[in-house]
Amino acid sequence: MDNLKPGAANSSPLTPLGFLDRAAVVYGDCPSLVYNQTTYTWSQTHLRCLQLASSISNLGLGRGDVVSVIAPNIPAMYELHFAIPMAGAVLNTINTRLDARTISVMLRHSGSKLVFVDYQSASVVSEAISMFPPNFKVPVLVLIADQEFEESRLVSSADFQLTYEVMVIKGDPEFKWVRPKSEWDPLTLNYTSGTTSAPKGVVQSHRGAFIISFDSLVEWSVPKQPVYLWTLPMFHANGWSFTWGMAALGGTNICLRKFDAHTIYSAISRHGVTHMCSAPVVLNLLSNFAHVKPLSCPVQILTAGAPPPAAVILKTESLGFIVTHGYGLTETGGLIVSCAWKSKWNQLPATEIARLKARQGVRTVGMTEVDVIDSESGVSVKRDGTSLGEIVLRGGCLMLGYLKDPEATSKCMTKDGWFYTGDVGVVHPDGYLEIKDRSKDVIISGGENVSSVEVESVLYMHPLINEASVVARPDEFWGETPCAFVSLHQGRNKGEVKESEIIEYCRSKLAHYMVPKTVVFMEELPKTATGKIQKFVLREIAKKMGSINSRSRM
């Protein structure tokens, strides 16, 4: 046995890109992408991705070069998940809701050389580019247009050197895509937040994406040729890796540029949707839609991003949806904890079923270990549902690290072999995990991560504000929304500035989902003996204020 060693035949690097080659053969005539009046088959998608990869390569881009995409859930966004890495480059998807300043920081930090931009984001990207310092090399910009395109919406079409469809048409259909030399080669770069001082760029490998793609399909029991509705943004950890997973199964991707409850229900009825992923905010949309009738056929929903209330799960499932709840991070590429369902639970009352589903669950089959450890002793917490600890992970889908940030990487990926998530949870007697708090003070609003530090930095810029601290307040619609506690400079009083004025001030400087929905004025913020603001006190105040419904925020 000792003489048996791996060789070339059994050491091919794992990569999810090969899913597309197989899909073109097995599901070639079956629909791959449906968007408005456009439908592509898997053979067409395969060909378009090869041609696009060829054009990217002809621009001189290849291994290790970062190529960014700022687009909603449209066919181009899906195709670029294959085409960019097929050229050997690293895929960087950027949140379309971000402001110009944050996009500018990310493009510079990543060193992006080519940026694909949907026409609706053209103006904000042009503004982001204008913020580049002198002599900083500007990336090539490619305009993505579709049947809804209106040239008048562009700030300046001169900013865009190329158009998406021209690159597809001019590409070589016989292009041999660039396979990774190692399965540890970088595949994607995703940013966890938009802080200007240190944006955290998560680098995922081909191996990690392959593992999480397969793992997610197995854990969710996705059958061959599902009909998948894209309500989860593909820029969120690459759609939790279901971008590649749908190719593995020959699924039909139903693309939506934007949506509301009516659009979702219409798409489900029209296309026979079987699966969809979403943050809990979408569950709220579906369950609160007026005059809706229960579905004629069940639809599977995988939800994560913030713990959905049991009442929301109960109402959603009463409409014919089957909810699966999980937990993951950008650093894992998808969900690595899932509330794996036990058949005996089906005999329980609906309210108890919803309560159980509100828990995050247990590790997926593809994860090596998931534990909750006491921060002081470093040992596993008791399985009593009350003992708090930090959630730690081990597994093949974990990120390679944070781009250009070895200090942050070493802090969370320590020498003891664990990845420290910064999330606090408990383990119930049956071994199921439940998140209780977030030690990093991240607010999850509608599935979006909001950095309290960034919001606070904007509040501190207001001429009347002396102190500011931002925590999460429960929200019936978004799960959580930012709640700002502020004190004014000495000699100033509350009557000089209104809550609405503070909110509008933040709105002018932040992406809308990051703007506080509540502002509380205090004489002085609570502090420790060393002068640090006691956020745990403010969290309790915000919690006691009760849940609001800020549905108008988009």
Protein backbone atom coordinates (compact mmCIF):
# COMPACT_ATOMS: atom_id res chain seq x y z
CA MET A 1 0.00 0.00 0.00
CA ASP A 2 2.83 2.42 0.82
CA ASN A 3 3.95 2.41 -2.81
CA LEU A 4 0.59 3.62 -4.10
CA LYS A 5 0.74 7.36 -4.73
CA PRO A 6 -1.54 9.86 -6.52
CA GLY A 7 -0.68 10.49 -10.14
CA ALA A 8 -1.79 12.58 -13.10
CA ALA A 9 -4.83 10.40 -13.81
CA ASN A 10 -6.40 10.87 -10.38
CA SER A 11 -5.13 14.33 -9.46
CA SER A 12 -7.11 16.58 -11.78
CA PRO A 13 -7.94 19.81 -9.92
CA LEU A 14 -11.52 20.04 -8.70
CA THR A 15 -13.45 22.92 -10.31
CA PRO A 16 -17.16 23.65 -10.78
CA LEU A 17 -16.47 24.99 -14.29
CA GLY A 18 -16.60 21.47 -15.69
CA PHE A 19 -20.28 21.30 -14.78
CA LEU A 20 -21.03 23.43 -17.84
CA ASP A 21 -19.25 21.10 -20.29
CA ARG A 22 -21.31 18.19 -19.02
CA ALA A 23 -24.55 20.17 -19.05
CA ALA A 24 -24.03 20.97 -22.73
CA VAL A 25 -23.83 17.26 -23.51
CA VAL A 26 -26.50 15.84 -21.19
CA TYR A 27 -28.98 18.75 -21.17
CA GLY A 28 -27.98 20.47 -24.42
CA ASP A 29 -31.52 21.01 -25.76
CA CYS A 30 -33.04 21.82 -22.37
CA PRO A 31 -33.59 25.40 -21.17
CA SER A 32 -30.77 26.87 -19.11
CA LEU A 33 -31.74 30.53 -18.76
CA VAL A 34 -35.13 32.22 -19.02
CA TYR A 35 -35.38 36.00 -18.87
CA ASN A 36 -38.42 37.92 -20.08
CA GLN A 37 -38.90 36.74 -23.68
CA THR A 38 -35.40 35.24 -23.98
CA THR A 39 -34.64 31.54 -23.48
CA TYR A 40 -31.26 29.86 -23.90
CA THR A 41 -30.51 26.14 -23.89
CA TRP A 42 -27.54 24.60 -22.11
CA SER A 43 -25.69 24.11 -25.39
CA GLN A 44 -26.21 27.79 -26.20
CA THR A 45 -25.08 28.90 -22.74
CA HIS A 46 -21.99 26.71 -23.04
CA LEU A 47 -21.14 28.25 -26.40
CA ARG A 48 -21.77 31.83 -25.23
CA CYS A 49 -19.54 31.33 -22.19
CA LEU A 50 -16.71 29.94 -24.33
CA GLN A 51 -16.94 32.87 -26.73
CA LEU A 52 -17.05 35.37 -23.90
CA ALA A 53 -14.06 33.72 -22.20
CA SER A 54 -12.20 33.94 -25.49
CA SER A 55 -12.86 37.69 -25.77
CA ILE A 56 -11.73 38.24 -22.18
CA SER A 57 -8.55 36.32 -22.91
CA ASN A 58 -7.97 38.36 -26.09
CA LEU A 59 -7.88 41.49 -23.93
CA GLY A 60 -4.73 40.11 -22.33
CA LEU A 61 -6.35 38.91 -19.13
CA GLY A 62 -5.63 35.56 -17.58
CA ARG A 63 -4.54 33.76 -14.43
CA GLY A 64 -4.95 35.80 -11.29
CA ASP A 65 -6.40 38.90 -12.96
CA VAL A 66 -9.53 40.21 -11.25
CA VAL A 67 -12.59 40.86 -13.41
CA SER A 68 -15.57 42.54 -11.72
CA VAL A 69 -19.28 42.37 -12.45
CA ILE A 70 -21.96 44.80 -11.28
CA ALA A 71 -25.29 43.45 -12.46
CA PRO A 72 -28.62 42.08 -11.18
CA ASN A 73 -29.90 38.55 -11.77
CA ILE A 74 -29.86 38.59 -15.57
CA PRO A 75 -28.40 36.02 -18.02
CA ALA A 76 -25.14 37.96 -18.38
CA MET A 77 -24.54 37.76 -14.64
CA TYR A 78 -25.05 33.99 -14.72
CA GLU A 79 -22.85 33.48 -17.81
CA LEU A 80 -20.00 35.50 -16.31
CA HIS A 81 -19.82 33.08 -13.37
CA PHE A 82 -18.39 30.62 -15.89
CA ALA A 83 -16.86 32.82 -18.59
CA ILE A 84 -14.54 34.89 -16.36
CA PRO A 85 -12.85 31.94 -14.62
CA MET A 86 -12.87 30.00 -17.92
CA ALA A 87 -10.47 32.69 -19.13
CA GLY A 88 -8.32 31.97 -16.09
CA ALA A 89 -9.33 35.19 -14.33
CA VAL A 90 -10.85 35.70 -10.87
CA LEU A 91 -14.57 36.54 -10.68
CA ASN A 92 -15.51 39.51 -8.48
CA THR A 93 -19.23 40.20 -8.15
CA ILE A 94 -20.17 43.54 -6.55
CA ASN A 95 -23.39 44.43 -4.76
CA THR A 96 -25.55 46.60 -7.05
CA ARG A 97 -26.93 48.49 -4.04
CA LEU A 98 -23.61 50.00 -3.02
CA ASP A 99 -22.79 53.68 -3.40
CA ALA A 100 -20.11 55.02 -5.75
CA ARG A 101 -17.54 55.60 -3.01
CA THR A 102 -17.68 52.00 -1.78
CA ILE A 103 -17.56 50.58 -5.31
CA SER A 104 -14.54 52.77 -6.03
CA VAL A 105 -12.75 51.43 -2.95
CA MET A 106 -13.47 47.83 -3.93
CA LEU A 107 -12.33 48.23 -7.52
CA ARG A 108 -9.07 49.80 -6.39
CA HIS A 109 -8.46 47.31 -3.60
CA SER A 110 -9.05 44.33 -5.90
CA GLY A 111 -6.95 45.77 -8.73
CA SER A 112 -9.77 44.94 -11.12
CA LYS A 113 -8.70 45.19 -14.75
CA LEU A 114 -12.06 44.69 -16.44
CA VAL A 115 -15.54 45.59 -15.20
CA PHE A 116 -18.83 44.36 -16.68
CA VAL A 117 -21.55 46.88 -15.83
CA ASP A 118 -25.30 46.58 -16.22
CA TYR A 119 -26.76 49.70 -17.82
CA GLN A 120 -28.75 50.55 -14.71
CA SER A 121 -25.51 50.76 -12.71
CA ALA A 122 -23.64 52.70 -15.37
CA SER A 123 -23.89 56.10 -13.72
CA VAL A 124 -22.77 54.93 -10.27
CA VAL A 125 -19.80 53.05 -11.75
CA SER A 126 -18.81 56.09 -13.82
CA GLU A 127 -18.88 58.12 -10.60
CA ALA A 128 -16.84 55.44 -8.83
CA ILE A 129 -14.19 55.55 -11.55
CA SER A 130 -14.03 59.34 -11.31
CA MET A 131 -12.93 58.94 -7.68
CA PHE A 132 -9.77 57.04 -8.65
CA PRO A 133 -6.60 58.94 -7.71
CA PRO A 134 -4.43 60.38 -10.50
CA ASN A 135 -2.22 57.85 -12.28
CA PHE A 136 -4.25 54.90 -10.92
CA LYS A 137 -4.91 52.56 -13.85
CA VAL A 138 -8.59 52.59 -14.77
CA PRO A 139 -10.15 49.21 -15.68
CA VAL A 140 -11.75 48.58 -19.06
CA LEU A 141 -15.53 48.98 -18.81
CA VAL A 142 -18.00 46.73 -20.64
CA LEU A 143 -21.64 47.74 -20.91
CA ILE A 144 -24.33 45.10 -20.41
CA ALA A 145 -27.57 46.06 -22.14
CA ASP A 146 -30.80 44.16 -22.67
CA GLN A 147 -34.26 44.71 -24.12
CA GLU A 148 -35.06 47.19 -21.36
CA PHE A 149 -31.96 49.28 -22.10
CA GLU A 150 -32.36 53.04 -22.51
CA GLU A 151 -29.22 54.88 -23.56
CA SER A 152 -30.52 58.08 -22.01
CA ARG A 153 -29.95 56.61 -18.56
CA LEU A 154 -26.20 56.58 -19.03
CA VAL A 155 -24.07 59.40 -17.67
CA SER A 156 -21.68 59.01 -20.56
CA SER A 157 -21.58 56.15 -23.02
CA ALA A 158 -18.00 57.19 -23.79
CA ASP A 159 -16.94 55.62 -20.47
CA PHE A 160 -17.66 52.16 -21.90
CA GLN A 161 -15.16 50.81 -24.41
CA LEU A 162 -17.00 47.57 -25.18
CA THR A 163 -20.46 46.03 -25.07
CA TYR A 164 -21.30 42.60 -23.71
CA GLU A 165 -23.02 41.07 -26.73
CA VAL A 166 -20.26 42.21 -29.09
CA MET A 167 -17.75 40.38 -26.90
CA VAL A 168 -19.90 37.24 -27.08
CA ILE A 169 -20.29 37.44 -30.85
CA LYS A 170 -16.61 38.09 -31.56
CA GLY A 171 -15.33 35.31 -29.29
CA ASP A 172 -13.91 32.03 -30.57
CA PRO A 173 -16.46 29.18 -30.19
CA GLU A 174 -13.56 26.68 -30.23
CA PHE A 175 -11.81 28.38 -27.30
CA LYS A 176 -10.15 25.92 -24.91
CA TRP A 177 -10.98 27.22 -21.50
CA VAL A 178 -8.22 27.64 -18.96
CA ARG A 179 -8.26 24.88 -16.40
CA PRO A 180 -6.74 25.66 -12.99
CA LYS A 181 -3.20 24.46 -12.45
CA SER A 182 -4.17 23.67 -8.89
CA GLU A 183 -7.58 23.25 -7.31
CA TRP A 184 -6.37 25.79 -4.75
CA ASP A 185 -6.12 28.49 -7.44
CA PRO A 186 -8.41 31.45 -6.69
CA LEU A 187 -11.81 31.35 -8.40
CA THR A 188 -13.76 34.21 -6.82
CA LEU A 189 -13.32 37.39 -4.81
CA ASN A 190 -16.30 38.59 -2.76
CA TYR A 191 -16.38 41.51 -0.37
CA THR A 192 -18.05 41.10 2.99
CA SER A 193 -18.47 44.83 3.65
CA GLY A 194 -17.80 48.24 2.14
CA THR A 195 -15.72 49.89 4.84
CA THR A 196 -13.27 52.37 3.35
CA SER A 197 -10.36 51.59 5.67
CA ALA A 198 -10.14 47.84 5.18
CA PRO A 199 -12.60 46.15 2.79
CA LYS A 200 -12.49 42.43 3.45
CA GLY A 201 -12.16 40.57 0.19
CA VAL A 202 -12.88 36.85 0.56
CA VAL A 203 -10.89 34.71 -1.88
CA GLN A 204 -12.43 31.30 -2.65
CA SER A 205 -10.65 28.48 -4.50
CA HIS A 206 -11.88 26.21 -7.29
CA ARG A 207 -11.79 23.36 -4.78
CA GLY A 208 -13.88 25.23 -2.22
CA ALA A 209 -16.51 26.19 -4.79
CA PHE A 210 -16.69 22.62 -6.11
CA ILE A 211 -17.24 21.22 -2.62
CA ILE A 212 -19.86 23.75 -1.53
CA SER A 213 -21.75 23.42 -4.82
CA PHE A 214 -22.06 19.65 -4.48
CA ASP A 215 -22.65 19.83 -0.75
CA SER A 216 -25.52 22.30 -1.12
CA LEU A 217 -27.28 20.20 -3.75
CA VAL A 218 -27.04 17.06 -1.60
CA GLU A 219 -28.10 18.78 1.62
CA TRP A 220 -31.14 20.40 -0.01
CA SER A 221 -31.99 17.17 -1.90
CA VAL A 222 -32.22 19.03 -5.22
CA PRO A 223 -33.31 16.67 -8.04
CA LYS A 224 -32.12 16.75 -11.64
CA GLN A 225 -33.50 19.54 -13.81
CA PRO A 226 -35.12 21.72 -11.13
CA VAL A 227 -36.74 25.02 -12.07
CA TYR A 228 -34.85 27.57 -9.99
CA LEU A 229 -36.09 31.13 -9.43
CA TRP A 230 -33.34 33.69 -8.84
CA THR A 231 -34.59 35.86 -5.99
CA LEU A 232 -31.29 35.57 -4.11
CA PRO A 233 -28.78 38.02 -5.63
CA MET A 234 -26.01 36.25 -7.50
CA PHE A 235 -23.60 38.78 -5.97
CA HIS A 236 -24.35 37.25 -2.53
CA ALA A 237 -21.56 34.66 -2.22
CA ASN A 238 -22.20 33.78 -5.87
CA GLY A 239 -25.80 32.90 -5.15
CA TRP A 240 -24.65 30.55 -2.37
CA SER A 241 -22.88 28.62 -5.19
CA PHE A 242 -26.14 27.59 -6.86
CA THR A 243 -24.92 29.45 -9.96
CA TRP A 244 -22.62 26.50 -10.63
CA GLY A 245 -24.88 23.94 -8.95
CA MET A 246 -27.72 24.50 -11.42
CA ALA A 247 -25.38 23.55 -14.26
CA ALA A 248 -24.47 20.30 -12.50
CA LEU A 249 -28.14 19.28 -12.54
CA GLY A 250 -29.24 20.86 -15.81
CA GLY A 251 -31.65 23.16 -14.01
CA THR A 252 -33.65 25.97 -15.57
CA ASN A 253 -32.58 29.36 -14.20
CA ILE A 254 -35.46 31.85 -14.10
CA CYS A 255 -33.82 35.29 -14.01
CA LEU A 256 -35.45 38.41 -12.58
CA ARG A 257 -33.97 41.89 -12.86
CA LYS A 258 -36.11 43.02 -9.94
CA PHE A 259 -39.06 41.55 -8.13
CA ASP A 260 -41.89 41.97 -5.68
CA ALA A 261 -44.38 39.45 -4.30
CA HIS A 262 -46.61 39.65 -7.38
CA THR A 263 -43.63 39.04 -9.69
CA ILE A 264 -42.54 36.01 -7.67
CA TYR A 265 -45.97 34.42 -7.59
CA SER A 266 -46.40 35.08 -11.33
CA ALA A 267 -43.04 33.48 -12.11
CA ILE A 268 -43.87 30.45 -9.96
CA SER A 269 -47.15 29.96 -11.81
CA ARG A 270 -45.80 30.63 -15.29
CA HIS A 271 -42.61 28.57 -15.12
CA GLY A 272 -43.49 25.86 -12.62
CA VAL A 273 -40.79 26.94 -10.18
CA THR A 274 -39.62 24.18 -7.83
CA HIS A 275 -36.78 25.85 -5.88
CA MET A 276 -35.64 29.29 -4.75
CA CYS A 277 -33.27 30.80 -2.19
CA SER A 278 -33.76 33.99 -0.26
CA ALA A 279 -33.11 36.03 2.83
CA PRO A 280 -35.98 35.95 5.35
CA VAL A 281 -37.18 39.32 4.02
CA VAL A 282 -38.51 37.52 0.94
CA LEU A 283 -40.48 35.17 3.18
CA ASN A 284 -42.08 38.29 4.63
CA LEU A 285 -42.92 39.51 1.13
CA LEU A 286 -44.57 36.23 0.19
CA SER A 287 -46.47 35.68 3.42
CA ASN A 288 -47.82 39.24 3.62
CA PHE A 289 -48.98 39.53 0.01
CA ALA A 290 -52.68 40.40 -0.06
CA HIS A 291 -55.25 37.99 -1.53
CA VAL A 292 -52.69 35.27 -2.23
CA LYS A 293 -53.95 31.72 -2.58
CA PRO A 294 -52.01 28.62 -1.48
CA LEU A 295 -49.73 27.20 -4.17
CA SER A 296 -51.05 24.38 -6.33
CA CYS A 297 -47.61 22.70 -6.19
CA PRO A 298 -45.10 23.07 -3.33
CA VAL A 299 -42.01 25.24 -3.78
CA GLN A 300 -38.83 24.63 -1.81
CA ILE A 301 -37.28 27.73 -0.21
CA LEU A 302 -33.81 27.75 1.30
CA THR A 303 -33.41 30.75 3.60
CA ALA A 304 -30.46 32.20 5.52
CA GLY A 305 -28.84 35.55 6.29
CA ALA A 306 -30.74 36.24 9.51
CA PRO A 307 -32.78 33.93 11.73
CA PRO A 308 -36.36 33.98 10.41
CA PRO A 309 -39.00 34.26 13.14
CA ALA A 310 -40.98 31.07 13.68
CA ALA A 311 -44.20 32.97 12.98
CA VAL A 312 -42.95 33.96 9.52
CA ILE A 313 -41.96 30.37 8.73
CA LEU A 314 -45.37 29.15 9.89
CA LYS A 315 -47.23 31.64 7.68
CA THR A 316 -45.00 30.97 4.66
CA GLU A 317 -45.47 27.22 4.87
CA SER A 318 -49.23 27.64 5.21
CA LEU A 319 -49.14 29.01 1.65
CA GLY A 320 -47.55 25.86 0.24
CA PHE A 321 -43.86 26.70 0.52
CA ILE A 322 -41.46 24.26 2.19
CA VAL A 323 -38.87 26.21 4.15
CA THR A 324 -35.34 24.97 4.84
CA HIS A 325 -33.23 27.13 7.14
CA GLY A 326 -29.44 27.24 7.13
CA TYR A 327 -26.35 29.20 8.05
CA GLY A 328 -23.27 30.21 6.14
CA LEU A 329 -20.91 33.07 5.45
CA THR A 330 -19.20 34.64 2.49
CA GLU A 331 -16.08 32.93 3.86
CA THR A 332 -17.70 29.50 3.34
CA GLY A 333 -19.14 30.17 -0.12
CA GLY A 334 -22.60 28.95 0.89
CA LEU A 335 -24.53 27.22 3.63
CA ILE A 336 -22.55 24.85 5.83
CA VAL A 337 -25.13 24.38 8.58
CA SER A 338 -28.68 23.29 7.82
CA CYS A 339 -31.74 22.45 9.90
CA ALA A 340 -31.71 18.85 8.66
CA TRP A 341 -35.28 17.64 8.98
CA LYS A 342 -36.31 14.51 10.87
CA SER A 343 -39.42 12.69 9.66
CA LYS A 344 -40.74 12.25 13.19
CA TRP A 345 -41.03 16.04 13.48
CA ASN A 346 -43.78 15.99 10.84
CA GLN A 347 -46.15 14.68 13.52
CA LEU A 348 -45.67 17.80 15.65
CA PRO A 349 -48.03 20.80 15.69
CA ALA A 350 -47.34 23.41 13.01
CA THR A 351 -46.17 25.94 15.60
CA GLU A 352 -43.58 23.50 16.98
CA ILE A 353 -42.40 22.66 13.46
CA ALA A 354 -41.86 26.34 12.77
CA ARG A 355 -39.95 26.75 16.04
CA LEU A 356 -37.62 23.88 15.16
CA LYS A 357 -37.06 25.21 11.64
CA ALA A 358 -36.05 28.60 13.05
CA ARG A 359 -32.88 26.96 14.38
CA GLN A 360 -29.82 26.88 12.11
CA GLY A 361 -29.21 23.15 12.55
CA VAL A 362 -26.24 20.81 12.10
CA ARG A 363 -23.23 20.67 9.81
CA THR A 364 -23.81 19.65 6.20
CA VAL A 365 -22.23 16.43 4.95
CA GLY A 366 -19.47 18.38 3.21
CA MET A 367 -18.25 20.13 6.35
CA THR A 368 -15.62 18.42 8.49
CA GLU A 369 -16.56 19.93 11.84
CA VAL A 370 -18.79 22.64 13.30
CA ASP A 371 -18.61 23.46 16.99
CA VAL A 372 -19.54 26.12 19.52
CA ILE A 373 -16.71 26.80 21.96
CA ASP A 374 -16.37 28.82 25.11
CA SER A 375 -14.17 31.85 24.43
CA GLU A 376 -12.32 31.57 27.72
CA SER A 377 -11.73 27.83 28.09
CA GLY A 378 -11.62 26.96 24.39
CA VAL A 379 -13.72 23.84 24.97
CA SER A 380 -17.12 22.95 23.54
CA VAL A 381 -20.10 24.46 25.34
CA LYS A 382 -22.69 22.26 27.02
CA ARG A 383 -25.53 21.03 24.84
CA ASP A 384 -28.15 22.69 26.97
CA GLY A 385 -29.55 25.35 24.63
CA THR A 386 -28.38 28.15 26.94
CA SER A 387 -24.57 28.03 27.18
CA LEU A 388 -23.17 30.63 24.78
CA GLY A 389 -20.02 30.26 22.71
CA GLU A 390 -18.43 31.23 19.41
CA ILE A 391 -19.23 29.19 16.30
CA VAL A 392 -16.09 27.65 14.76
CA LEU A 393 -15.68 25.67 11.54
CA ARG A 394 -13.42 23.24 9.72
CA GLY A 395 -13.99 22.18 6.12
CA GLY A 396 -12.81 22.15 2.54
CA CYS A 397 -15.07 24.98 1.38
CA LEU A 398 -13.52 27.59 3.66
CA MET A 399 -11.91 30.58 1.97
CA LEU A 400 -8.22 30.84 1.14
CA GLY A 401 -8.13 34.09 3.11
CA TYR A 402 -8.78 37.82 2.92
CA LEU A 403 -7.15 39.60 -0.01
CA LYS A 404 -4.19 41.78 1.06
CA ASP A 405 -5.12 41.36 4.71
CA PRO A 406 -2.96 38.68 6.37
CA GLU A 407 -3.70 40.09 9.83
CA ALA A 408 -7.47 39.66 9.49
CA THR A 409 -6.92 36.21 7.96
CA SER A 410 -4.73 35.04 10.84
CA LYS A 411 -7.22 36.32 13.42
CA CYS A 412 -10.06 34.14 12.16
CA MET A 413 -8.06 31.20 10.75
CA THR A 414 -5.91 30.36 13.72
CA LYS A 415 -3.14 27.88 14.38
CA ASP A 416 -5.52 25.55 16.22
CA GLY A 417 -7.12 24.66 12.89
CA TRP A 418 -10.46 26.40 13.37
CA PHE A 419 -12.12 29.21 11.47
CA TYR A 420 -13.62 31.60 14.02
CA THR A 421 -16.86 33.07 12.68
CA GLY A 422 -17.39 35.75 15.32
CA ASP A 423 -20.99 34.56 15.65
CA VAL A 424 -22.31 33.49 19.03
CA GLY A 425 -24.65 30.55 19.44
CA VAL A 426 -25.88 27.69 21.59
CA VAL A 427 -26.21 23.95 21.01
CA HIS A 428 -29.48 22.30 21.97
CA PRO A 429 -29.62 18.85 23.63
CA ASP A 430 -30.34 17.23 20.26
CA GLY A 431 -27.12 18.67 18.81
CA TYR A 432 -28.77 21.39 16.73
CA LEU A 433 -27.12 24.82 16.62
CA GLU A 434 -28.92 28.13 17.10
CA ILE A 435 -27.38 31.59 16.64
CA LYS A 436 -28.03 33.98 19.52
CA ASP A 437 -25.89 37.04 18.78
CA ARG A 438 -23.19 38.45 16.52
CA SER A 439 -20.01 39.41 18.26
CA LYS A 440 -18.83 41.49 15.31
CA ASP A 441 -21.77 43.88 15.69
CA VAL A 442 -22.87 43.22 12.13
CA ILE A 443 -26.50 44.09 11.44
CA ILE A 444 -28.21 41.81 8.92
CA SER A 445 -30.96 43.77 7.22
CA GLY A 446 -32.89 41.96 4.51
CA GLY A 447 -29.95 39.62 3.98
CA GLU A 448 -27.49 42.52 3.60
CA ASN A 449 -24.60 42.85 6.06
CA VAL A 450 -24.45 46.36 7.51
CA SER A 451 -21.27 47.47 9.22
CA SER A 452 -22.22 49.49 12.30
CA VAL A 453 -18.77 51.07 12.25
CA GLU A 454 -19.32 52.51 8.78
CA VAL A 455 -22.71 53.96 9.70
CA GLU A 456 -21.23 55.44 12.86
CA SER A 457 -18.43 57.06 10.87
CA VAL A 458 -21.03 58.90 8.78
CA LEU A 459 -22.98 59.98 11.86
CA TYR A 460 -19.83 61.39 13.40
CA MET A 461 -19.46 63.61 10.33
CA HIS A 462 -22.68 65.45 11.20
CA PRO A 463 -21.81 68.87 12.64
CA LEU A 464 -24.18 68.56 15.62
CA ILE A 465 -23.43 64.98 16.69
CA ASN A 466 -20.96 64.39 19.50
CA GLU A 467 -21.26 60.63 19.99
CA ALA A 468 -22.86 57.89 17.93
CA SER A 469 -23.39 54.17 18.23
CA VAL A 470 -25.41 51.90 15.93
CA VAL A 471 -27.03 48.60 16.87
CA ALA A 472 -29.71 46.36 15.42
CA ARG A 473 -33.39 46.95 16.10
CA PRO A 474 -35.92 44.22 15.32
CA ASP A 475 -37.89 44.89 12.14
CA GLU A 476 -41.01 42.97 11.10
CA PHE A 477 -40.12 43.20 7.43
CA TRP A 478 -36.30 43.29 7.15
CA GLY A 479 -35.44 41.20 10.20
CA GLU A 480 -33.16 43.92 11.54
CA THR A 481 -32.53 47.56 10.70
CA PRO A 482 -29.89 49.98 12.01
CA CYS A 483 -30.85 51.96 15.11
CA ALA A 484 -28.65 54.96 15.89
CA PHE A 485 -28.10 56.32 19.38
CA VAL A 486 -26.61 59.80 19.33
CA SER A 487 -25.70 62.61 21.71
CA LEU A 488 -25.25 66.20 20.58
CA HIS A 489 -22.36 68.55 21.18
CA GLN A 490 -22.43 70.44 24.46
CA GLY A 491 -24.74 73.41 24.30
CA ARG A 492 -26.88 71.85 21.60
CA ASN A 493 -30.34 70.50 22.23
CA LYS A 494 -32.58 67.97 20.53
CA GLY A 495 -34.84 70.67 19.13
CA GLU A 496 -32.09 71.83 16.78
CA VAL A 497 -32.19 68.68 14.70
CA LYS A 498 -34.95 66.19 13.93
CA GLU A 499 -34.74 62.44 13.56
CA SER A 500 -35.79 62.75 9.90
CA GLU A 501 -32.92 65.18 9.23
CA ILE A 502 -30.35 62.73 10.61
CA ILE A 503 -31.83 59.94 8.50
CA GLU A 504 -31.73 62.07 5.35
CA TYR A 505 -28.16 63.08 6.12
CA CYS A 506 -27.13 59.40 6.26
CA ARG A 507 -29.16 58.64 3.13
CA SER A 508 -27.05 61.14 1.18
CA LYS A 509 -23.84 59.34 2.14
CA LEU A 510 -24.75 55.65 2.45
CA ALA A 511 -26.41 52.90 0.49
CA HIS A 512 -30.11 53.03 1.46
CA TYR A 513 -30.15 49.68 3.24
CA MET A 514 -27.42 50.95 5.59
CA VAL A 515 -29.33 54.06 6.67
CA PRO A 516 -30.65 54.05 10.28
CA LYS A 517 -34.42 53.72 10.42
CA THR A 518 -34.50 54.94 14.04
CA VAL A 519 -32.52 57.69 15.73
CA VAL A 520 -32.57 57.97 19.52
CA PHE A 521 -31.26 61.15 21.14
CA MET A 522 -29.51 60.76 24.51
CA GLU A 523 -27.79 63.23 26.83
CA GLU A 524 -24.84 60.86 27.03
CA LEU A 525 -24.28 57.35 25.71
CA PRO A 526 -23.60 54.66 28.33
CA LYS A 527 -19.90 53.90 28.78
CA THR A 528 -17.55 51.60 30.62
CA ALA A 529 -15.02 52.86 33.14
CA THR A 530 -12.47 53.12 30.35
CA GLY A 531 -14.77 55.30 28.25
CA LYS A 532 -15.96 52.67 25.76
CA ILE A 533 -19.60 52.84 24.66
CA GLN A 534 -21.59 49.93 26.08
CA LYS A 535 -23.29 48.52 23.01
CA PHE A 536 -24.92 45.71 24.92
CA VAL A 537 -26.88 48.32 26.90
CA LEU A 538 -28.01 49.99 23.68
CA ARG A 539 -29.00 46.64 22.18
CA GLU A 540 -31.29 46.00 25.12
CA ILE A 541 -32.87 49.45 24.74
CA ALA A 542 -33.43 48.86 21.02
CA LYS A 543 -34.89 45.44 21.73
CA LYS A 544 -37.30 46.85 24.33
CA MET A 545 -38.40 49.50 21.84
CA GLY A 546 -40.00 46.63 19.96
CA SER A 547 -40.15 45.71 16.32
CA ILE A 548 -40.91 48.27 13.63
CA ASN A 549 -41.96 47.78 10.02
CA SER A 550 -39.80 49.81 7.64
CA ARG A 551 -41.04 48.06 4.49
CA SER A 552 -40.55 51.19 2.38
CA ARG A 553 -36.76 50.88 2.51
CA MET A 554 -35.28 49.56 -0.75
